[in-house]
Amino acid sequence: MNDFEVLAHAIDLDGRTVVDIGCGDGALVRELRQAGADAIGVDIDVQPAHRKDPEGRYLKGGAEKLPLRDQSVDVATMMRSLHHVPDPRSAFPELARVVRELVYIAEPLPAGEFFELLRPVDDETEVRAKAQEAIKTSGFELLKTIEYDVLVPLRRLEELRDRVLAADPTREDRWAAVEHQLAGRFKPGEFPIPMRVDILKPQR
């Protein structure tokens, strides 16, 4: 299953108000809307989402200070975004403030072939570990944990480069410095990304 299929299987989205925090270009927001949710996207830069989805609802903001009223959403999703928050712990007071029912956090684990391939460009071992620790100490009730793999097909090294720089353009210099090393190791194939989902409930 892909990321959205795991989410839709775990939570009934129809009729719920769902905010996706760190929404990027709004891909998940569009899928949420198609599944019947009243979907909102939040990101520090909402222009990419507005360009792809002019009719969608996108609000500028970060996980540390959400542009939403108290108890205004049923579900919050953070799809691969918690480890990008400078202090992941700072997200949880805001989640507790705005969420009525559930928080769905999907995070890549620091393991697997794709992670090892990417590590010379950007080693996220520490930030991913901090995200997991923040979840454990969040003060939320853990309802369920789901683990699954996402397979990333890569036929050419250039596809990896495009993916890496789309996620973070500041990696370009680092990519250039290690590209020769990566070219020597790269073989086409499907690269698994081990994912962990935690479904949390705010403590009232």
Protein backbone atom coordinates (compact mmCIF):
# COMPACT_ATOMS: atom_id res chain seq x y z
CA MET A 1 0.00 0.00 0.00
CA ASN A 2 1.08 3.60 -0.53
CA ASP A 3 1.04 6.33 2.12
CA PHE A 4 -2.52 7.45 1.45
CA GLU A 5 -3.91 3.91 1.31
CA VAL A 6 -2.45 3.19 4.75
CA LEU A 7 -4.01 6.40 6.10
CA ALA A 8 -7.43 5.76 4.53
CA HIS A 9 -7.46 2.19 5.83
CA ALA A 10 -6.60 3.33 9.36
CA ILE A 11 -8.97 6.32 9.72
CA ASP A 12 -12.45 7.03 8.39
CA LEU A 13 -11.89 10.33 6.60
CA ASP A 14 -15.34 10.94 5.12
CA GLY A 15 -16.99 14.02 6.62
CA ARG A 16 -14.11 14.85 8.93
CA THR A 17 -12.15 18.08 9.00
CA VAL A 18 -8.53 17.07 8.39
CA VAL A 19 -5.46 19.30 8.36
CA ASP A 20 -2.23 18.14 6.71
CA ILE A 21 0.71 19.87 8.37
CA GLY A 22 3.72 20.29 6.09
CA CYS A 23 1.51 19.82 3.04
CA GLY A 24 4.08 20.69 0.36
CA ASP A 25 2.36 20.95 -3.01
CA GLY A 26 -0.95 19.75 -1.55
CA ALA A 27 -0.93 16.21 -2.98
CA LEU A 28 -2.26 14.67 0.23
CA VAL A 29 -4.81 17.46 0.69
CA ARG A 30 -6.25 16.66 -2.73
CA GLU A 31 -6.48 12.96 -1.88
CA LEU A 32 -8.13 13.77 1.45
CA ARG A 33 -10.72 15.88 -0.33
CA GLN A 34 -11.44 13.10 -2.82
CA ALA A 35 -12.00 10.76 0.13
CA GLY A 36 -14.73 13.06 1.46
CA ALA A 37 -12.76 15.04 4.03
CA ASP A 38 -12.96 18.79 4.57
CA ALA A 39 -9.23 19.14 3.90
CA ILE A 40 -6.87 21.95 4.89
CA GLY A 41 -3.16 22.24 4.15
CA VAL A 42 -0.62 24.09 6.28
CA ASP A 43 2.94 24.84 5.20
CA ILE A 44 5.54 27.57 5.61
CA ASP A 45 5.32 28.03 1.82
CA VAL A 46 1.86 27.48 0.36
CA GLN A 47 2.57 28.84 -3.13
CA PRO A 48 3.31 25.41 -4.68
CA ALA A 49 0.01 24.10 -3.32
CA HIS A 50 -1.94 27.14 -4.54
CA ARG A 51 -0.43 26.73 -8.02
CA LYS A 52 -1.44 23.08 -8.29
CA ASP A 53 -4.76 23.41 -6.46
CA PRO A 54 -6.16 26.95 -6.76
CA GLU A 55 -9.49 25.92 -5.25
CA GLY A 56 -7.94 24.24 -2.21
CA ARG A 57 -7.68 25.70 1.29
CA TYR A 58 -4.05 26.33 2.25
CA LEU A 59 -2.80 28.33 5.22
CA LYS A 60 0.70 29.63 5.82
CA GLY A 61 2.21 28.44 9.08
CA GLY A 62 4.36 25.87 10.83
CA ALA A 63 3.77 23.01 13.24
CA GLU A 64 5.06 25.15 16.13
CA LYS A 65 2.31 27.75 15.58
CA LEU A 66 -0.69 26.51 13.63
CA PRO A 67 -2.97 29.11 11.98
CA LEU A 68 -6.08 27.34 13.30
CA ARG A 69 -8.61 27.93 16.06
CA ASP A 70 -8.73 25.82 19.23
CA GLN A 71 -10.41 22.43 18.73
CA SER A 72 -11.14 23.27 15.08
CA VAL A 73 -10.13 20.03 13.32
CA ASP A 74 -11.03 16.38 13.82
CA VAL A 75 -7.77 14.90 12.53
CA ALA A 76 -4.25 16.21 11.92
CA THR A 77 -1.82 14.42 9.64
CA MET A 78 1.93 14.87 9.49
CA MET A 79 3.19 12.86 6.54
CA ARG A 80 7.01 12.69 6.68
CA SER A 81 7.11 16.21 8.09
CA LEU A 82 7.72 15.93 11.86
CA HIS A 83 11.46 15.34 11.46
CA HIS A 84 11.70 18.61 9.50
CA VAL A 85 10.43 20.63 12.50
CA PRO A 86 13.54 22.13 14.20
CA ASP A 87 12.25 21.05 17.62
CA PRO A 88 9.69 18.25 17.02
CA ARG A 89 8.48 18.49 20.63
CA SER A 90 7.13 21.97 19.90
CA ALA A 91 4.50 20.54 17.55
CA PHE A 92 2.57 18.68 20.23
CA PRO A 93 1.20 21.54 22.33
CA GLU A 94 -0.24 23.00 19.13
CA LEU A 95 -1.65 19.64 18.05
CA ALA A 96 -3.29 19.28 21.45
CA ARG A 97 -4.78 22.74 21.06
CA VAL A 98 -6.34 22.36 17.60
CA VAL A 99 -7.20 18.63 17.29
CA ARG A 100 -10.43 17.15 18.61
CA GLU A 101 -9.93 13.46 17.83
CA LEU A 102 -6.78 12.00 16.27
CA VAL A 103 -3.24 12.80 15.20
CA TYR A 104 -1.72 10.65 12.45
CA ILE A 105 2.08 10.86 12.19
CA ALA A 106 3.91 8.93 9.45
CA GLU A 107 7.70 9.08 9.69
CA PRO A 108 10.47 7.40 7.68
CA LEU A 109 12.78 5.35 9.84
CA PRO A 110 16.59 5.71 9.63
CA ALA A 111 17.02 2.35 7.90
CA GLY A 112 16.67 0.67 4.53
CA GLU A 113 18.31 0.78 1.12
CA PHE A 114 16.97 4.20 0.15
CA PHE A 115 18.17 5.72 3.42
CA GLU A 116 21.64 4.26 2.91
CA LEU A 117 21.72 5.56 -0.65
CA LEU A 118 20.73 9.04 0.50
CA ARG A 119 22.97 9.16 3.58
CA PRO A 120 26.07 10.64 1.84
CA VAL A 121 23.92 13.55 0.66
CA ASP A 122 22.00 14.15 3.86
CA ASP A 123 22.31 11.86 6.87
CA GLU A 124 18.99 12.22 8.70
CA THR A 125 19.75 9.65 11.41
CA GLU A 126 19.68 12.24 14.20
CA VAL A 127 16.63 14.24 13.11
CA ARG A 128 14.57 11.11 12.53
CA ALA A 129 15.53 9.79 15.97
CA LYS A 130 14.52 13.12 17.54
CA ALA A 131 11.12 12.87 15.85
CA GLN A 132 10.55 9.39 17.28
CA GLU A 133 11.59 10.53 20.75
CA ALA A 134 9.22 13.50 20.54
CA ILE A 135 6.33 11.16 19.72
CA LYS A 136 7.16 8.92 22.69
CA THR A 137 7.24 11.86 25.11
CA SER A 138 4.35 13.83 23.55
CA GLY A 139 1.86 13.22 26.36
CA PHE A 140 -0.65 11.90 23.80
CA GLU A 141 -2.28 8.50 24.13
CA LEU A 142 -0.89 6.02 21.60
CA LEU A 143 -3.80 4.19 19.98
CA LYS A 144 -2.03 2.26 17.24
CA THR A 145 1.29 1.82 15.46
CA ILE A 146 1.56 0.69 11.85
CA GLU A 147 4.74 -0.22 9.99
CA TYR A 148 5.00 -0.57 6.23
CA ASP A 149 7.43 -0.06 3.36
CA VAL A 150 7.15 2.43 0.51
CA LEU A 151 8.99 1.29 -2.61
CA VAL A 152 10.79 3.97 -4.62
CA PRO A 153 11.56 2.85 -8.19
CA LEU A 154 14.74 4.41 -9.55
CA ARG A 155 15.95 3.58 -13.05
CA ARG A 156 18.60 6.29 -13.31
CA LEU A 157 20.73 8.24 -10.85
CA GLU A 158 19.20 11.46 -12.22
CA GLU A 159 15.83 10.38 -10.82
CA LEU A 160 17.35 10.22 -7.36
CA ARG A 161 18.91 13.65 -7.86
CA ASP A 162 15.57 15.15 -8.88
CA ARG A 163 13.85 13.63 -5.87
CA VAL A 164 16.54 14.77 -3.44
CA LEU A 165 16.63 18.37 -4.69
CA ALA A 166 12.84 18.64 -4.95
CA ALA A 167 12.64 17.86 -1.24
CA ASP A 168 15.42 20.29 -0.33
CA PRO A 169 17.14 22.47 -2.97
CA THR A 170 19.87 23.40 -0.47
CA ARG A 171 21.28 19.90 -0.94
CA GLU A 172 22.57 20.77 -4.43
CA ASP A 173 26.18 21.52 -3.40
CA ARG A 174 26.34 18.41 -1.26
CA TRP A 175 24.93 16.33 -4.12
CA ALA A 176 27.60 17.65 -6.49
CA ALA A 177 30.32 16.73 -3.99
CA VAL A 178 29.22 13.08 -3.67
CA GLU A 179 27.66 12.41 -7.09
CA HIS A 180 30.68 10.46 -8.34
CA GLN A 181 30.60 8.27 -5.23
CA LEU A 182 26.88 7.63 -5.64
CA ALA A 183 27.27 6.81 -9.34
CA GLY A 184 29.69 4.04 -8.42
CA ARG A 185 27.21 2.48 -5.99
CA PHE A 186 23.94 3.02 -7.81
CA LYS A 187 22.08 0.15 -9.45
CA PRO A 188 18.54 0.51 -10.85
CA GLY A 189 15.82 -1.06 -8.76
CA GLU A 190 13.10 -0.52 -6.18
CA PHE A 191 14.37 0.98 -2.95
CA PRO A 192 12.27 0.43 0.21
CA ILE A 193 11.63 3.21 2.72
CA PRO A 194 10.56 1.70 6.07
CA MET A 195 7.74 3.82 7.52
CA ARG A 196 6.25 4.00 11.00
CA VAL A 197 2.81 5.45 11.69
CA ASP A 198 1.66 6.46 15.16
CA ILE A 199 -2.02 7.25 15.67
CA LEU A 200 -2.36 9.42 18.76
CA LYS A 201 -5.21 10.81 20.81
CA PRO A 202 -4.95 14.09 22.73
CA GLN A 203 -5.26 13.70 26.49
CA ARG A 204 -8.04 15.86 27.86
